[in-house]
């Protein structure tokens, strides 16, 4: 299977935690990210679909931080349903 490059922006705390997990299991950060994505995609396939992503307002786009916060809040709401 071919791979496609993607860029992900992480806050410093998330990057440090990702690095710690990677070190702990002896894998690269990229491999840990791929595993998390694969696991998340399997879960969403088995469960209800993810809520829609926040929409951009026409007057101005959301900043990266605002988009991250909106996605985080959506994930937080979803986890509370479990």
PDB file of N, CA and C in Angstrom:
ATOM      1  N   UNK A   1       0.843  -1.168   0.000  1.00  0.00           N
ATOM      2  CA  UNK A   1       0.000   0.000   0.000  1.00  0.00           C
ATOM      3  C   UNK A   1       0.896   1.241   0.000  1.00  0.00           C
ATOM      4  N   UNK A   2       0.599   2.175  -0.873  1.00  0.00           N
ATOM      5  CA  UNK A   2       1.401   3.396  -0.914  1.00  0.00           C
ATOM      6  C   UNK A   2       0.970   4.347   0.198  1.00  0.00           C
ATOM      7  N   UNK A   3       1.857   5.222   0.550  1.00  0.00           N
ATOM      8  CA  UNK A   3       1.579   6.175   1.618  1.00  0.00           C
ATOM      9  C   UNK A   3       1.542   7.577   1.054  1.00  0.00           C
ATOM     10  N   UNK A   4       0.735   8.406   1.668  1.00  0.00           N
ATOM     11  CA  UNK A   4       0.618   9.798   1.277  1.00  0.00           C
ATOM     12  C   UNK A   4       1.028  10.667   2.461  1.00  0.00           C
ATOM     13  N   UNK A   5       1.817  11.680   2.212  1.00  0.00           N
ATOM     14  CA  UNK A   5       2.301  12.546   3.269  1.00  0.00           C
ATOM     15  C   UNK A   5       1.208  13.515   3.703  1.00  0.00           C
ATOM     16  N   UNK A   6       1.097  13.701   5.023  1.00  0.00           N
ATOM     17  CA  UNK A   6       0.191  14.683   5.609  1.00  0.00           C
ATOM     18  C   UNK A   6       0.943  15.436   6.689  1.00  0.00           C
ATOM     19  N   UNK A   7       0.501  16.635   6.945  1.00  0.00           N
ATOM     20  CA  UNK A   7       1.104  17.440   7.999  1.00  0.00           C
ATOM     21  C   UNK A   7       0.082  17.634   9.102  1.00  0.00           C
ATOM     22  N   UNK A   8       0.527  17.448  10.333  1.00  0.00           N
ATOM     23  CA  UNK A   8      -0.343  17.607  11.489  1.00  0.00           C
ATOM     24  C   UNK A   8       0.342  18.574  12.449  1.00  0.00           C
ATOM     25  N   UNK A   9      -0.402  19.564  12.905  1.00  0.00           N
ATOM     26  CA  UNK A   9       0.127  20.512  13.884  1.00  0.00           C
ATOM     27  C   UNK A   9      -0.308  20.078  15.274  1.00  0.00           C
ATOM     28  N   UNK A  10       0.657  19.904  16.162  1.00  0.00           N
ATOM     29  CA  UNK A  10       0.386  19.494  17.535  1.00  0.00           C
ATOM     30  C   UNK A  10       0.853  20.570  18.489  1.00  0.00           C
ATOM     31  N   UNK A  11       0.140  20.711  19.601  1.00  0.00           N
ATOM     32  CA  UNK A  11       0.662  21.626  20.610  1.00  0.00           C
ATOM     33  C   UNK A  11       1.842  20.933  21.292  1.00  0.00           C
ATOM     34  N   UNK A  12       2.603  21.692  22.047  1.00  0.00           N
ATOM     35  CA  UNK A  12       3.842  21.171  22.635  1.00  0.00           C
ATOM     36  C   UNK A  12       3.579  19.985  23.561  1.00  0.00           C
ATOM     37  N   UNK A  13       2.532  20.071  24.364  1.00  0.00           N
ATOM     38  CA  UNK A  13       2.217  18.987  25.295  1.00  0.00           C
ATOM     39  C   UNK A  13       1.890  17.693  24.552  1.00  0.00           C
ATOM     40  N   UNK A  14       1.074  17.792  23.506  1.00  0.00           N
ATOM     41  CA  UNK A  14       0.718  16.602  22.734  1.00  0.00           C
ATOM     42  C   UNK A  14       1.951  16.001  22.064  1.00  0.00           C
ATOM     43  N   UNK A  15       2.843  16.862  21.557  1.00  0.00           N
ATOM     44  CA  UNK A  15       4.054  16.366  20.913  1.00  0.00           C
ATOM     45  C   UNK A  15       4.945  15.640  21.919  1.00  0.00           C
ATOM     46  N   UNK A  16       5.062  16.183  23.128  1.00  0.00           N
ATOM     47  CA  UNK A  16       5.873  15.528  24.160  1.00  0.00           C
ATOM     48  C   UNK A  16       5.268  14.181  24.560  1.00  0.00           C
ATOM     49  N   UNK A  17       3.939  14.134  24.694  1.00  0.00           N
ATOM     50  CA  UNK A  17       3.275  12.872  25.043  1.00  0.00           C
ATOM     51  C   UNK A  17       3.434  11.851  23.921  1.00  0.00           C
ATOM     52  N   UNK A  18       3.321  12.311  22.685  1.00  0.00           N
ATOM     53  CA  UNK A  18       3.499  11.427  21.532  1.00  0.00           C
ATOM     54  C   UNK A  18       4.917  10.866  21.514  1.00  0.00           C
ATOM     55  N   UNK A  19       5.882  11.728  21.766  1.00  0.00           N
ATOM     56  CA  UNK A  19       7.281  11.295  21.799  1.00  0.00           C
ATOM     57  C   UNK A  19       7.510  10.265  22.904  1.00  0.00           C
ATOM     58  N   UNK A  20       6.887  10.469  24.066  1.00  0.00           N
ATOM     59  CA  UNK A  20       7.034   9.528  25.184  1.00  0.00           C
ATOM     60  C   UNK A  20       6.441   8.170  24.831  1.00  0.00           C
ATOM     61  N   UNK A  21       5.267   8.169  24.200  1.00  0.00           N
ATOM     62  CA  UNK A  21       4.645   6.907  23.786  1.00  0.00           C
ATOM     63  C   UNK A  21       5.530   6.197  22.771  1.00  0.00           C
ATOM     64  N   UNK A  22       6.031   6.950  21.807  1.00  0.00           N
ATOM     65  CA  UNK A  22       6.890   6.360  20.772  1.00  0.00           C
ATOM     66  C   UNK A  22       8.132   5.722  21.393  1.00  0.00           C
ATOM     67  N   UNK A  23       8.757   6.442  22.325  1.00  0.00           N
ATOM     68  CA  UNK A  23       9.942   5.896  23.006  1.00  0.00           C
ATOM     69  C   UNK A  23       9.591   4.639  23.792  1.00  0.00           C
ATOM     70  N   UNK A  24       8.448   4.689  24.476  1.00  0.00           N
ATOM     71  CA  UNK A  24       8.018   3.572  25.316  1.00  0.00           C
ATOM     72  C   UNK A  24       7.811   2.294  24.505  1.00  0.00           C
ATOM     73  N   UNK A  25       7.215   2.422  23.324  1.00  0.00           N
ATOM     74  CA  UNK A  25       6.947   1.212  22.519  1.00  0.00           C
ATOM     75  C   UNK A  25       8.032   0.937  21.484  1.00  0.00           C
ATOM     76  N   UNK A  26       9.025   1.826  21.404  1.00  0.00           N
ATOM     77  CA  UNK A  26      10.134   1.608  20.476  1.00  0.00           C
ATOM     78  C   UNK A  26       9.756   1.815  19.025  1.00  0.00           C
ATOM     79  N   UNK A  27       8.929   2.824  18.769  1.00  0.00           N
ATOM     80  CA  UNK A  27       8.501   3.131  17.400  1.00  0.00           C
ATOM     81  C   UNK A  27       8.711   4.619  17.145  1.00  0.00           C
ATOM     82  N   UNK A  28       8.617   5.000  15.892  1.00  0.00           N
ATOM     83  CA  UNK A  28       8.723   6.417  15.559  1.00  0.00           C
ATOM     84  C   UNK A  28       7.406   7.118  15.877  1.00  0.00           C
ATOM     85  N   UNK A  29       7.474   8.448  15.997  1.00  0.00           N
ATOM     86  CA  UNK A  29       6.244   9.213  16.226  1.00  0.00           C
ATOM     87  C   UNK A  29       5.282   9.015  15.054  1.00  0.00           C
ATOM     88  N   UNK A  30       5.805   8.951  13.841  1.00  0.00           N
ATOM     89  CA  UNK A  30       4.947   8.752  12.671  1.00  0.00           C
ATOM     90  C   UNK A  30       4.199   7.421  12.758  1.00  0.00           C
ATOM     91  N   UNK A  31       4.885   6.388  13.216  1.00  0.00           N
ATOM     92  CA  UNK A  31       4.243   5.075  13.352  1.00  0.00           C
ATOM     93  C   UNK A  31       3.159   5.118  14.418  1.00  0.00           C
ATOM     94  N   UNK A  32       3.410   5.807  15.523  1.00  0.00           N
ATOM     95  CA  UNK A  32       2.403   5.925  16.576  1.00  0.00           C
ATOM     96  C   UNK A  32       1.178   6.659  16.045  1.00  0.00           C
ATOM     97  N   UNK A  33       1.393   7.743  15.312  1.00  0.00           N
ATOM     98  CA  UNK A  33       0.279   8.488  14.728  1.00  0.00           C
ATOM     99  C   UNK A  33      -0.519   7.589  13.790  1.00  0.00           C
ATOM    100  N   UNK A  34       0.168   6.828  12.927  1.00  0.00           N
ATOM    101  CA  UNK A  34      -0.537   5.922  12.004  1.00  0.00           C
ATOM    102  C   UNK A  34      -1.368   4.902  12.776  1.00  0.00           C
ATOM    103  N   UNK A  35      -0.794   4.356  13.860  1.00  0.00           N
ATOM    104  CA  UNK A  35      -1.545   3.374  14.655  1.00  0.00           C
ATOM    105  C   UNK A  35      -2.780   3.993  15.294  1.00  0.00           C
ATOM    106  N   UNK A  36      -2.619   5.205  15.856  1.00  0.00           N
ATOM    107  CA  UNK A  36      -3.766   5.885  16.461  1.00  0.00           C
ATOM    108  C   UNK A  36      -4.854   6.145  15.421  1.00  0.00           C
ATOM    109  N   UNK A  37      -4.448   6.589  14.251  1.00  0.00           N
ATOM    110  CA  UNK A  37      -5.428   6.851  13.194  1.00  0.00           C
ATOM    111  C   UNK A  37      -6.124   5.567  12.782  1.00  0.00           C
ATOM    112  N   UNK A  38      -5.356   4.499  12.554  1.00  0.00           N
ATOM    113  CA  UNK A  38      -5.958   3.222  12.161  1.00  0.00           C
ATOM    114  C   UNK A  38      -6.955   2.736  13.208  1.00  0.00           C
ATOM    115  N   UNK A  39      -6.566   2.824  14.487  1.00  0.00           N
ATOM    116  CA  UNK A  39      -7.451   2.384  15.562  1.00  0.00           C
ATOM    117  C   UNK A  39      -8.715   3.249  15.623  1.00  0.00           C
ATOM    118  N   UNK A  40      -8.536   4.544  15.492  1.00  0.00           N
ATOM    119  CA  UNK A  40      -9.687   5.447  15.509  1.00  0.00           C
ATOM    120  C   UNK A  40     -10.629   5.196  14.352  1.00  0.00           C
ATOM    121  N   UNK A  41     -10.071   4.924  13.179  1.00  0.00           N
ATOM    122  CA  UNK A  41     -10.909   4.653  12.014  1.00  0.00           C
ATOM    123  C   UNK A  41     -11.671   3.339  12.167  1.00  0.00           C
ATOM    124  N   UNK A  42     -11.036   2.334  12.770  1.00  0.00           N
ATOM    125  CA  UNK A  42     -11.741   1.076  13.013  1.00  0.00           C
ATOM    126  C   UNK A  42     -12.898   1.278  13.983  1.00  0.00           C
ATOM    127  N   UNK A  43     -12.658   2.055  15.033  1.00  0.00           N
ATOM    128  CA  UNK A  43     -13.718   2.315  16.015  1.00  0.00           C
ATOM    129  C   UNK A  43     -14.889   3.046  15.395  1.00  0.00           C
ATOM    130  N   UNK A  44     -14.602   4.055  14.582  1.00  0.00           N
ATOM    131  CA  UNK A  44     -15.697   4.822  13.996  1.00  0.00           C
ATOM    132  C   UNK A  44     -16.459   3.998  12.971  1.00  0.00           C
ATOM    133  N   UNK A  45     -15.802   3.029  12.385  1.00  0.00           N
ATOM    134  CA  UNK A  45     -16.472   2.143  11.439  1.00  0.00           C
ATOM    135  C   UNK A  45     -17.496   1.276  12.178  1.00  0.00           C
ATOM    136  N   UNK A  46     -17.145   0.880  13.397  1.00  0.00           N
ATOM    137  CA  UNK A  46     -18.003   0.011  14.187  1.00  0.00           C
ATOM    138  C   UNK A  46     -19.084   0.779  14.938  1.00  0.00           C
ATOM    139  N   UNK A  47     -18.850   2.059  15.193  1.00  0.00           N
ATOM    140  CA  UNK A  47     -19.761   2.858  15.996  1.00  0.00           C
ATOM    141  C   UNK A  47     -20.480   3.874  15.131  1.00  0.00           C
ATOM    142  N   UNK A  48     -21.096   4.811  15.792  1.00  0.00           N
ATOM    143  CA  UNK A  48     -21.783   5.887  15.099  1.00  0.00           C
ATOM    144  C   UNK A  48     -20.775   6.757  14.367  1.00  0.00           C
ATOM    145  N   UNK A  49     -21.189   7.412  13.318  1.00  0.00           N
ATOM    146  CA  UNK A  49     -20.253   8.272  12.593  1.00  0.00           C
ATOM    147  C   UNK A  49     -19.831   9.467  13.443  1.00  0.00           C
ATOM    148  N   UNK A  50     -18.668   9.998  13.121  1.00  0.00           N
ATOM    149  CA  UNK A  50     -18.165  11.168  13.840  1.00  0.00           C
ATOM    150  C   UNK A  50     -19.059  12.372  13.568  1.00  0.00           C
ATOM    151  N   UNK A  51     -19.137  13.280  14.534  1.00  0.00           N
ATOM    152  CA  UNK A  51     -19.910  14.495  14.285  1.00  0.00           C
ATOM    153  C   UNK A  51     -19.237  15.315  13.196  1.00  0.00           C
ATOM    154  N   UNK A  52     -19.990  16.147  12.520  1.00  0.00           N
ATOM    155  CA  UNK A  52     -19.369  16.947  11.447  1.00  0.00           C
ATOM    156  C   UNK A  52     -18.322  17.899  12.010  1.00  0.00           C
ATOM    157  N   UNK A  53     -17.332  18.190  11.193  1.00  0.00           N
ATOM    158  CA  UNK A  53     -16.305  19.143  11.592  1.00  0.00           C
ATOM    159  C   UNK A  53     -16.905  20.545  11.645  1.00  0.00           C
ATOM    160  N   UNK A  54     -16.325  21.414  12.431  1.00  0.00           N
ATOM    161  CA  UNK A  54     -16.832  22.788  12.486  1.00  0.00           C
ATOM    162  C   UNK A  54     -16.764  23.436  11.109  1.00  0.00           C
ATOM    163  N   UNK A  55     -17.738  24.266  10.819  1.00  0.00           N
ATOM    164  CA  UNK A  55     -17.774  24.934   9.521  1.00  0.00           C
ATOM    165  C   UNK A  55     -17.108  26.298   9.624  1.00  0.00           C
ATOM    166  N   UNK A  56     -16.475  26.681   8.532  1.00  0.00           N
ATOM    167  CA  UNK A  56     -15.907  28.016   8.463  1.00  0.00           C
ATOM    168  C   UNK A  56     -17.029  29.028   8.304  1.00  0.00           C
ATOM    169  N   UNK A  57     -16.869  30.155   8.958  1.00  0.00           N
ATOM    170  CA  UNK A  57     -17.810  31.251   8.739  1.00  0.00           C
ATOM    171  C   UNK A  57     -17.348  31.988   7.498  1.00  0.00           C
ATOM    172  N   UNK A  58     -18.287  32.542   6.794  1.00  0.00           N
ATOM    173  CA  UNK A  58     -17.933  33.213   5.542  1.00  0.00           C
ATOM    174  C   UNK A  58     -17.166  34.516   5.763  1.00  0.00           C
ATOM    175  N   UNK A  59     -17.312  35.134   6.950  1.00  0.00           N
ATOM    176  CA  UNK A  59     -16.627  36.409   7.159  1.00  0.00           C
ATOM    177  C   UNK A  59     -15.133  36.242   7.425  1.00  0.00           C
ATOM    178  N   UNK A  60     -14.746  35.124   8.023  1.00  0.00           N
ATOM    179  CA  UNK A  60     -13.320  34.852   8.222  1.00  0.00           C
ATOM    180  C   UNK A  60     -13.139  33.373   8.542  1.00  0.00           C
ATOM    181  N   UNK A  61     -12.036  32.778   8.077  1.00  0.00           N
ATOM    182  CA  UNK A  61     -11.789  31.366   8.405  1.00  0.00           C
ATOM    183  C   UNK A  61     -11.331  31.235   9.856  1.00  0.00           C
ATOM    184  N   UNK A  62     -11.536  30.065  10.405  1.00  0.00           N
ATOM    185  CA  UNK A  62     -11.048  29.791  11.752  1.00  0.00           C
ATOM    186  C   UNK A  62      -9.532  29.678  11.731  1.00  0.00           C
ATOM    187  N   UNK A  63      -8.901  30.110  12.800  1.00  0.00           N
ATOM    188  CA  UNK A  63      -7.456  29.925  12.920  1.00  0.00           C
ATOM    189  C   UNK A  63      -7.188  28.454  13.237  1.00  0.00           C
ATOM    190  N   UNK A  64      -5.942  28.052  13.138  1.00  0.00           N
ATOM    191  CA  UNK A  64      -5.568  26.675  13.459  1.00  0.00           C
ATOM    192  C   UNK A  64      -5.951  26.359  14.901  1.00  0.00           C
ATOM    193  N   UNK A  65      -5.691  27.301  15.805  1.00  0.00           N
ATOM    194  CA  UNK A  65      -6.015  27.093  17.214  1.00  0.00           C
ATOM    195  C   UNK A  65      -7.522  26.961  17.425  1.00  0.00           C
ATOM    196  N   UNK A  66      -8.304  27.801  16.739  1.00  0.00           N
ATOM    197  CA  UNK A  66      -9.766  27.731  16.872  1.00  0.00           C
ATOM    198  C   UNK A  66     -10.298  26.414  16.320  1.00  0.00           C
ATOM    199  N   UNK A  67      -9.749  25.967  15.198  1.00  0.00           N
ATOM    200  CA  UNK A  67     -10.169  24.697  14.612  1.00  0.00           C
ATOM    201  C   UNK A  67      -9.799  23.549  15.544  1.00  0.00           C
ATOM    202  N   UNK A  68      -8.587  23.567  16.099  1.00  0.00           N
ATOM    203  CA  UNK A  68      -8.171  22.533  17.047  1.00  0.00           C
ATOM    204  C   UNK A  68      -9.117  22.485  18.244  1.00  0.00           C
ATOM    205  N   UNK A  69      -9.452  23.661  18.780  1.00  0.00           N
ATOM    206  CA  UNK A  69     -10.331  23.718  19.948  1.00  0.00           C
ATOM    207  C   UNK A  69     -11.727  23.183  19.603  1.00  0.00           C
ATOM    208  N   UNK A  70     -12.236  23.536  18.435  1.00  0.00           N
ATOM    209  CA  UNK A  70     -13.557  23.052  18.023  1.00  0.00           C
ATOM    210  C   UNK A  70     -13.559  21.535  17.859  1.00  0.00           C
ATOM    211  N   UNK A  71     -12.504  21.004  17.272  1.00  0.00           N
ATOM    212  CA  UNK A  71     -12.406  19.553  17.101  1.00  0.00           C
ATOM    213  C   UNK A  71     -12.278  18.877  18.465  1.00  0.00           C
ATOM    214  N   UNK A  72     -11.443  19.451  19.343  1.00  0.00           N
ATOM    215  CA  UNK A  72     -11.283  18.904  20.692  1.00  0.00           C
ATOM    216  C   UNK A  72     -12.622  18.867  21.430  1.00  0.00           C
ATOM    217  N   UNK A  73     -13.379  19.950  21.363  1.00  0.00           N
ATOM    218  CA  UNK A  73     -14.674  19.998  22.049  1.00  0.00           C
ATOM    219  C   UNK A  73     -15.626  18.946  21.481  1.00  0.00           C
ATOM    220  N   UNK A  74     -15.604  18.747  20.158  1.00  0.00           N
ATOM    221  CA  UNK A  74     -16.441  17.709  19.542  1.00  0.00           C
ATOM    222  C   UNK A  74     -16.044  16.324  20.019  1.00  0.00           C
ATOM    223  N   UNK A  75     -14.737  16.056  20.110  1.00  0.00           N
ATOM    224  CA  UNK A  75     -14.262  14.759  20.585  1.00  0.00           C
ATOM    225  C   UNK A  75     -14.618  14.566  22.058  1.00  0.00           C
ATOM    226  N   UNK A  76     -14.525  15.649  22.827  1.00  0.00           N
ATOM    227  CA  UNK A  76     -14.854  15.581  24.242  1.00  0.00           C
ATOM    228  C   UNK A  76     -16.332  15.240  24.429  1.00  0.00           C
ATOM    229  N   UNK A  77     -17.211  15.906  23.651  1.00  0.00           N
ATOM    230  CA  UNK A  77     -18.644  15.596  23.727  1.00  0.00           C
ATOM    231  C   UNK A  77     -18.904  14.141  23.359  1.00  0.00           C
ATOM    232  N   UNK A  78     -18.224  13.666  22.332  1.00  0.00           N
ATOM    233  CA  UNK A  78     -18.412  12.279  21.889  1.00  0.00           C
ATOM    234  C   UNK A  78     -17.966  11.292  22.961  1.00  0.00           C
ATOM    235  N   UNK A  79     -16.836  11.571  23.626  1.00  0.00           N
ATOM    236  CA  UNK A  79     -16.340  10.640  24.653  1.00  0.00           C
ATOM    237  C   UNK A  79     -17.255  10.606  25.860  1.00  0.00           C
ATOM    238  N   UNK A  80     -17.954  11.685  26.148  1.00  0.00           N
ATOM    239  CA  UNK A  80     -18.867  11.709  27.273  1.00  0.00           C
ATOM    240  C   UNK A  80     -20.100  10.834  27.042  1.00  0.00           C
ATOM    241  N   UNK A  81     -20.395  10.542  25.780  1.00  0.00           N
ATOM    242  CA  UNK A  81     -21.550   9.706  25.443  1.00  0.00           C
ATOM    243  C   UNK A  81     -21.300   8.239  25.765  1.00  0.00           C
ATOM    244  N   UNK A  82     -20.030   7.866  25.927  1.00  0.00           N
ATOM    245  CA  UNK A  82     -19.684   6.456  26.147  1.00  0.00           C
ATOM    246  C   UNK A  82     -19.910   6.025  27.558  1.00  0.00           C
TER     247      UNK A  82
END
